[in-house]
């Protein structure tokens, strides 16, 4: 009980002293060198990252589909292995569809942010 009161008082003292420590560093300079980001630059960054991730994800999905096909050939009629192979192929197709849908959503958001989507 006594420790919690001391802890609460200590937190209050630290919280009240933080602005003093922040002002001890001096006032920040309003003249920051460099140019600010524009919406077009932000759109280009989003598109670059999205395109990279989409390409990598689609490649992984295609590899999964191919791996499912290989598993299907190796199954040789074994029902459990055929079931696993079909599931792998199905998951690869679903993964590719989700990735492409996310790509469309990201492209739409980038167009809306830069106000180039409608015109």
N, C-alpha and C. Protein backbone atom coordinates (compact mmCIF):
# COMPACT_ATOMS: atom_id res chain seq x y z
N UNK A 1 0.82 -1.19 0.00
CA UNK A 1 0.00 0.00 0.00
C UNK A 1 0.87 1.26 0.00
N UNK A 2 1.88 1.25 0.86
CA UNK A 2 2.75 2.41 0.94
C UNK A 2 3.56 2.55 -0.35
N UNK A 3 4.00 1.40 -0.90
CA UNK A 3 4.80 1.42 -2.12
C UNK A 3 4.00 1.99 -3.30
N UNK A 4 2.72 1.62 -3.40
CA UNK A 4 1.91 2.12 -4.52
C UNK A 4 1.72 3.62 -4.42
N UNK A 5 1.57 4.15 -3.21
CA UNK A 5 1.45 5.61 -3.06
C UNK A 5 2.73 6.30 -3.49
N UNK A 6 3.86 5.73 -3.10
CA UNK A 6 5.15 6.31 -3.49
C UNK A 6 5.32 6.22 -5.00
N UNK A 7 4.90 5.12 -5.60
CA UNK A 7 5.01 4.95 -7.06
C UNK A 7 4.13 5.96 -7.78
N UNK A 8 2.90 6.16 -7.30
CA UNK A 8 2.00 7.14 -7.93
C UNK A 8 2.56 8.55 -7.81
N UNK A 9 3.08 8.88 -6.65
CA UNK A 9 3.65 10.22 -6.46
C UNK A 9 4.87 10.39 -7.35
N UNK A 10 5.69 9.36 -7.46
CA UNK A 10 6.86 9.42 -8.34
C UNK A 10 6.47 9.61 -9.80
N UNK A 11 5.42 8.91 -10.26
CA UNK A 11 4.98 9.08 -11.65
C UNK A 11 4.45 10.48 -11.89
N UNK A 12 3.74 11.03 -10.92
CA UNK A 12 3.21 12.39 -11.07
C UNK A 12 4.35 13.40 -11.13
N UNK A 13 5.37 13.24 -10.29
CA UNK A 13 6.51 14.16 -10.30
C UNK A 13 7.24 14.08 -11.63
N UNK A 14 7.45 12.87 -12.13
CA UNK A 14 8.14 12.71 -13.43
C UNK A 14 7.31 13.32 -14.55
N UNK A 15 5.99 13.10 -14.54
CA UNK A 15 5.13 13.65 -15.58
C UNK A 15 5.14 15.18 -15.55
N UNK A 16 5.21 15.75 -14.35
CA UNK A 16 5.24 17.21 -14.27
C UNK A 16 6.60 17.78 -14.65
N UNK A 17 7.67 17.00 -14.49
CA UNK A 17 9.01 17.48 -14.78
C UNK A 17 9.40 17.30 -16.24
N UNK A 18 8.68 16.47 -16.99
CA UNK A 18 9.06 16.21 -18.38
C UNK A 18 9.08 17.47 -19.25
N UNK A 19 8.11 18.37 -19.16
CA UNK A 19 8.20 19.58 -19.98
C UNK A 19 9.43 20.42 -19.66
N UNK A 20 9.86 20.44 -18.41
CA UNK A 20 11.05 21.19 -18.03
C UNK A 20 12.27 20.59 -18.72
N UNK A 21 12.36 19.26 -18.73
CA UNK A 21 13.50 18.61 -19.40
C UNK A 21 13.45 18.83 -20.91
N UNK A 22 12.27 18.85 -21.47
CA UNK A 22 12.15 19.07 -22.91
C UNK A 22 12.57 20.49 -23.28
N UNK A 23 12.21 21.46 -22.45
CA UNK A 23 12.60 22.85 -22.73
C UNK A 23 14.08 23.09 -22.47
N UNK A 24 14.72 22.23 -21.69
CA UNK A 24 16.14 22.39 -21.42
C UNK A 24 16.98 22.17 -22.67
N UNK A 25 16.43 21.46 -23.62
CA UNK A 25 17.15 21.22 -24.87
C UNK A 25 17.18 22.44 -25.76
N UNK A 26 16.34 23.41 -25.51
CA UNK A 26 16.27 24.61 -26.34
C UNK A 26 15.07 24.53 -27.26
N UNK A 27 14.76 25.62 -27.87
CA UNK A 27 13.62 25.63 -28.78
C UNK A 27 14.05 25.11 -30.14
N UNK A 28 13.21 24.35 -30.79
CA UNK A 28 13.58 23.81 -32.10
C UNK A 28 13.60 24.91 -33.15
N UNK A 29 14.46 24.73 -34.11
CA UNK A 29 14.58 25.70 -35.19
C UNK A 29 13.44 25.49 -36.18
N UNK A 30 12.72 26.55 -36.54
CA UNK A 30 11.64 26.38 -37.50
C UNK A 30 12.14 26.19 -38.93
N UNK A 31 13.40 26.51 -39.18
CA UNK A 31 13.96 26.38 -40.52
C UNK A 31 14.53 24.98 -40.70
N UNK A 32 13.73 24.08 -41.19
CA UNK A 32 14.16 22.71 -41.42
C UNK A 32 14.56 22.60 -42.88
N UNK A 33 15.79 22.18 -43.15
CA UNK A 33 16.23 22.10 -44.55
C UNK A 33 15.55 20.95 -45.28
N UNK A 34 15.49 21.07 -46.58
CA UNK A 34 14.92 20.02 -47.41
C UNK A 34 13.55 20.39 -47.94
N UNK A 35 13.04 19.53 -48.79
CA UNK A 35 11.74 19.76 -49.38
C UNK A 35 10.74 18.78 -48.80
N UNK A 36 9.51 19.22 -48.60
CA UNK A 36 8.49 18.30 -48.08
C UNK A 36 8.06 17.30 -49.15
N UNK A 37 7.50 16.18 -48.70
CA UNK A 37 6.95 15.21 -49.62
C UNK A 37 5.70 15.79 -50.28
N UNK A 38 5.52 15.48 -51.54
CA UNK A 38 4.28 15.83 -52.22
C UNK A 38 3.41 14.59 -52.31
N UNK A 39 2.15 14.79 -52.63
CA UNK A 39 1.25 13.65 -52.75
C UNK A 39 1.66 12.72 -53.87
N UNK A 40 2.22 13.27 -54.94
CA UNK A 40 2.66 12.43 -56.05
C UNK A 40 3.82 11.54 -55.62
N UNK A 41 4.75 12.09 -54.82
CA UNK A 41 5.85 11.27 -54.33
C UNK A 41 5.36 10.17 -53.41
N UNK A 42 4.38 10.49 -52.56
CA UNK A 42 3.80 9.48 -51.68
C UNK A 42 3.11 8.40 -52.51
N UNK A 43 2.40 8.81 -53.56
CA UNK A 43 1.75 7.85 -54.44
C UNK A 43 2.77 6.94 -55.10
N UNK A 44 3.89 7.51 -55.55
CA UNK A 44 4.92 6.70 -56.19
C UNK A 44 5.55 5.70 -55.22
N UNK A 45 5.75 6.13 -53.97
CA UNK A 45 6.30 5.22 -52.97
C UNK A 45 5.33 4.08 -52.70
N UNK A 46 4.05 4.41 -52.54
CA UNK A 46 3.03 3.38 -52.30
C UNK A 46 2.97 2.41 -53.48
N UNK A 47 2.99 2.95 -54.69
CA UNK A 47 2.92 2.08 -55.88
C UNK A 47 4.15 1.18 -55.99
N UNK A 48 5.32 1.73 -55.69
CA UNK A 48 6.54 0.92 -55.79
C UNK A 48 6.52 -0.23 -54.79
N UNK A 49 6.18 0.08 -53.56
CA UNK A 49 6.13 -0.96 -52.53
C UNK A 49 5.04 -1.98 -52.86
N UNK A 50 3.87 -1.48 -53.28
CA UNK A 50 2.75 -2.38 -53.60
C UNK A 50 3.10 -3.29 -54.78
N UNK A 51 3.70 -2.72 -55.82
CA UNK A 51 4.06 -3.54 -56.98
C UNK A 51 5.08 -4.61 -56.61
N UNK A 52 6.06 -4.25 -55.78
CA UNK A 52 7.05 -5.24 -55.36
C UNK A 52 6.39 -6.38 -54.57
N UNK A 53 5.56 -6.01 -53.60
CA UNK A 53 4.90 -7.03 -52.78
C UNK A 53 3.94 -7.88 -53.59
N UNK A 54 3.26 -7.27 -54.56
CA UNK A 54 2.33 -8.02 -55.40
C UNK A 54 3.09 -9.03 -56.26
N UNK A 55 4.19 -8.59 -56.85
CA UNK A 55 4.97 -9.48 -57.71
C UNK A 55 5.52 -10.66 -56.90
N UNK A 56 6.07 -10.38 -55.72
CA UNK A 56 6.62 -11.44 -54.88
C UNK A 56 5.51 -12.40 -54.45
N UNK A 57 4.36 -11.86 -54.06
CA UNK A 57 3.26 -12.70 -53.60
C UNK A 57 2.68 -13.55 -54.72
N UNK A 58 2.57 -12.99 -55.92
CA UNK A 58 2.05 -13.77 -57.05
C UNK A 58 3.03 -14.88 -57.41
N UNK A 59 4.31 -14.59 -57.34
CA UNK A 59 5.31 -15.63 -57.61
C UNK A 59 5.19 -16.76 -56.59
N UNK A 60 5.00 -16.40 -55.31
CA UNK A 60 4.82 -17.43 -54.27
C UNK A 60 3.54 -18.23 -54.54
N UNK A 61 2.46 -17.56 -54.95
CA UNK A 61 1.21 -18.26 -55.24
C UNK A 61 1.37 -19.22 -56.42
N UNK A 62 2.08 -18.79 -57.45
CA UNK A 62 2.32 -19.67 -58.60
C UNK A 62 3.17 -20.86 -58.20
N UNK A 63 4.16 -20.62 -57.35
CA UNK A 63 4.98 -21.74 -56.87
C UNK A 63 4.12 -22.72 -56.08
N UNK A 64 3.19 -22.21 -55.29
CA UNK A 64 2.29 -23.10 -54.54
C UNK A 64 1.40 -23.92 -55.48
N UNK A 65 0.91 -23.29 -56.53
CA UNK A 65 0.08 -24.01 -57.50
C UNK A 65 0.90 -25.10 -58.20
N UNK A 66 2.12 -24.77 -58.58
CA UNK A 66 2.99 -25.75 -59.24
C UNK A 66 3.33 -26.88 -58.26
N UNK A 67 3.61 -26.51 -57.00
CA UNK A 67 3.91 -27.54 -56.00
C UNK A 67 2.71 -28.45 -55.79
N UNK A 68 1.51 -27.89 -55.79
CA UNK A 68 0.30 -28.70 -55.68
C UNK A 68 0.16 -29.66 -56.85
N UNK A 69 0.52 -29.19 -58.05
CA UNK A 69 0.49 -30.07 -59.22
C UNK A 69 1.49 -31.21 -59.11
N UNK A 70 2.67 -30.90 -58.59
CA UNK A 70 3.68 -31.94 -58.40
C UNK A 70 3.20 -32.95 -57.36
N UNK A 71 2.61 -32.45 -56.26
CA UNK A 71 2.06 -33.35 -55.25
C UNK A 71 0.94 -34.22 -55.83
N UNK A 72 0.16 -33.64 -56.72
CA UNK A 72 -0.94 -34.40 -57.35
C UNK A 72 -0.38 -35.54 -58.20
N UNK A 73 0.71 -35.25 -58.92
CA UNK A 73 1.32 -36.31 -59.72
C UNK A 73 1.96 -37.37 -58.85
N UNK A 74 2.56 -36.99 -57.74
CA UNK A 74 3.19 -37.95 -56.84
C UNK A 74 2.18 -38.75 -56.04
N UNK A 75 0.95 -38.33 -56.00
CA UNK A 75 -0.06 -38.99 -55.18
C UNK A 75 -0.33 -40.42 -55.67
N UNK A 76 -0.33 -40.63 -56.97
CA UNK A 76 -0.53 -41.95 -57.58
C UNK A 76 -1.81 -42.62 -57.09
N UNK A 77 -2.87 -41.82 -56.95
CA UNK A 77 -4.16 -42.38 -56.60
C UNK A 77 -4.44 -42.49 -55.11
N UNK A 78 -3.48 -42.14 -54.26
CA UNK A 78 -3.70 -42.17 -52.81
C UNK A 78 -4.63 -41.01 -52.45
N UNK A 79 -5.78 -41.36 -51.88
CA UNK A 79 -6.82 -40.36 -51.63
C UNK A 79 -6.35 -39.24 -50.70
N UNK A 80 -5.60 -39.56 -49.66
CA UNK A 80 -5.13 -38.54 -48.72
C UNK A 80 -4.18 -37.57 -49.40
N UNK A 81 -3.26 -38.11 -50.18
CA UNK A 81 -2.27 -37.26 -50.85
C UNK A 81 -2.93 -36.42 -51.95
N UNK A 82 -3.93 -36.99 -52.64
CA UNK A 82 -4.66 -36.22 -53.65
C UNK A 82 -5.41 -35.07 -52.98
N UNK A 83 -5.99 -35.36 -51.82
CA UNK A 83 -6.71 -34.33 -51.08
C UNK A 83 -5.76 -33.19 -50.67
N UNK A 84 -4.57 -33.54 -50.20
CA UNK A 84 -3.57 -32.54 -49.82
C UNK A 84 -3.13 -31.72 -51.03
N UNK A 85 -2.93 -32.39 -52.16
CA UNK A 85 -2.51 -31.70 -53.37
C UNK A 85 -3.58 -30.73 -53.85
N UNK A 86 -4.83 -31.15 -53.85
CA UNK A 86 -5.93 -30.26 -54.27
C UNK A 86 -6.05 -29.07 -53.34
N UNK A 87 -5.86 -29.32 -52.04
CA UNK A 87 -5.93 -28.22 -51.08
C UNK A 87 -4.81 -27.22 -51.33
N UNK A 88 -3.61 -27.71 -51.66
CA UNK A 88 -2.49 -26.83 -51.95
C UNK A 88 -2.76 -25.99 -53.19
N UNK A 89 -3.28 -26.61 -54.23
CA UNK A 89 -3.61 -25.88 -55.46
C UNK A 89 -4.69 -24.84 -55.18
N UNK A 90 -5.73 -25.24 -54.45
CA UNK A 90 -6.82 -24.32 -54.13
C UNK A 90 -6.31 -23.13 -53.31
N UNK A 91 -5.46 -23.40 -52.31
CA UNK A 91 -4.91 -22.32 -51.49
C UNK A 91 -4.03 -21.38 -52.31
N UNK A 92 -3.29 -21.92 -53.27
CA UNK A 92 -2.48 -21.08 -54.16
C UNK A 92 -3.34 -20.16 -55.00
N UNK A 93 -4.45 -20.70 -55.52
CA UNK A 93 -5.35 -19.88 -56.34
C UNK A 93 -6.01 -18.79 -55.49
N UNK A 94 -6.46 -19.16 -54.28
CA UNK A 94 -7.08 -18.18 -53.38
C UNK A 94 -6.05 -17.11 -53.00
N UNK A 95 -4.82 -17.51 -52.72
CA UNK A 95 -3.76 -16.55 -52.38
C UNK A 95 -3.50 -15.58 -53.51
N UNK A 96 -3.45 -16.07 -54.74
CA UNK A 96 -3.23 -15.18 -55.88
C UNK A 96 -4.40 -14.21 -56.04
N UNK A 97 -5.62 -14.69 -55.84
CA UNK A 97 -6.79 -13.82 -55.96
C UNK A 97 -6.78 -12.73 -54.88
N UNK A 98 -6.42 -13.10 -53.67
CA UNK A 98 -6.37 -12.12 -52.58
C UNK A 98 -5.29 -11.08 -52.85
N UNK A 99 -4.13 -11.51 -53.31
CA UNK A 99 -3.04 -10.58 -53.60
C UNK A 99 -3.44 -9.61 -54.70
N UNK A 100 -4.05 -10.11 -55.75
CA UNK A 100 -4.46 -9.23 -56.84
C UNK A 100 -5.56 -8.27 -56.38
N UNK A 101 -6.46 -8.72 -55.51
CA UNK A 101 -7.49 -7.83 -54.98
C UNK A 101 -6.88 -6.74 -54.11
N UNK A 102 -5.90 -7.10 -53.30
CA UNK A 102 -5.21 -6.09 -52.49
C UNK A 102 -4.49 -5.09 -53.38
N UNK A 103 -3.92 -5.57 -54.48
CA UNK A 103 -3.27 -4.66 -55.42
C UNK A 103 -4.24 -3.65 -56.00
N UNK A 104 -5.42 -4.11 -56.35
CA UNK A 104 -6.44 -3.20 -56.88
C UNK A 104 -6.84 -2.19 -55.81
N UNK A 105 -7.00 -2.64 -54.58
CA UNK A 105 -7.38 -1.74 -53.49
C UNK A 105 -6.29 -0.70 -53.25
N UNK A 106 -5.03 -1.11 -53.24
CA UNK A 106 -3.93 -0.16 -53.02
C UNK A 106 -3.83 0.85 -54.15
N UNK A 107 -4.01 0.40 -55.38
CA UNK A 107 -3.98 1.34 -56.51
C UNK A 107 -5.12 2.35 -56.42
N UNK A 108 -6.29 1.89 -55.98
CA UNK A 108 -7.43 2.77 -55.82
C UNK A 108 -7.17 3.79 -54.72
N UNK A 109 -6.63 3.34 -53.59
CA UNK A 109 -6.33 4.26 -52.49
C UNK A 109 -5.28 5.28 -52.92
N UNK A 110 -4.26 4.84 -53.64
CA UNK A 110 -3.23 5.78 -54.11
C UNK A 110 -3.84 6.81 -55.04
N UNK A 111 -4.76 6.40 -55.90
CA UNK A 111 -5.42 7.35 -56.79
C UNK A 111 -6.32 8.32 -56.05
N UNK A 112 -6.98 7.84 -55.00
CA UNK A 112 -7.85 8.71 -54.22
C UNK A 112 -7.05 9.71 -53.39
N UNK A 113 -5.91 9.26 -52.86
CA UNK A 113 -5.09 10.16 -52.04
C UNK A 113 -4.55 11.31 -52.88
N UNK A 114 -4.12 11.03 -54.08
CA UNK A 114 -3.53 12.07 -54.93
C UNK A 114 -4.59 12.78 -55.78
N UNK A 115 -5.83 12.38 -55.62
CA UNK A 115 -6.95 12.99 -56.33
C UNK A 115 -6.81 12.87 -57.86
N UNK A 116 -6.20 11.77 -58.31
CA UNK A 116 -6.10 11.51 -59.74
C UNK A 116 -7.00 10.36 -60.16
N UNK A 117 -7.80 9.85 -59.25
CA UNK A 117 -8.64 8.70 -59.54
C UNK A 117 -9.80 9.05 -60.45
N UNK A 118 -10.40 10.23 -60.25
CA UNK A 118 -11.60 10.60 -61.00
C UNK A 118 -11.31 11.54 -62.17
N UNK A 119 -10.09 11.83 -62.41
CA UNK A 119 -9.90 12.77 -63.51
C UNK A 119 -8.52 13.04 -63.87
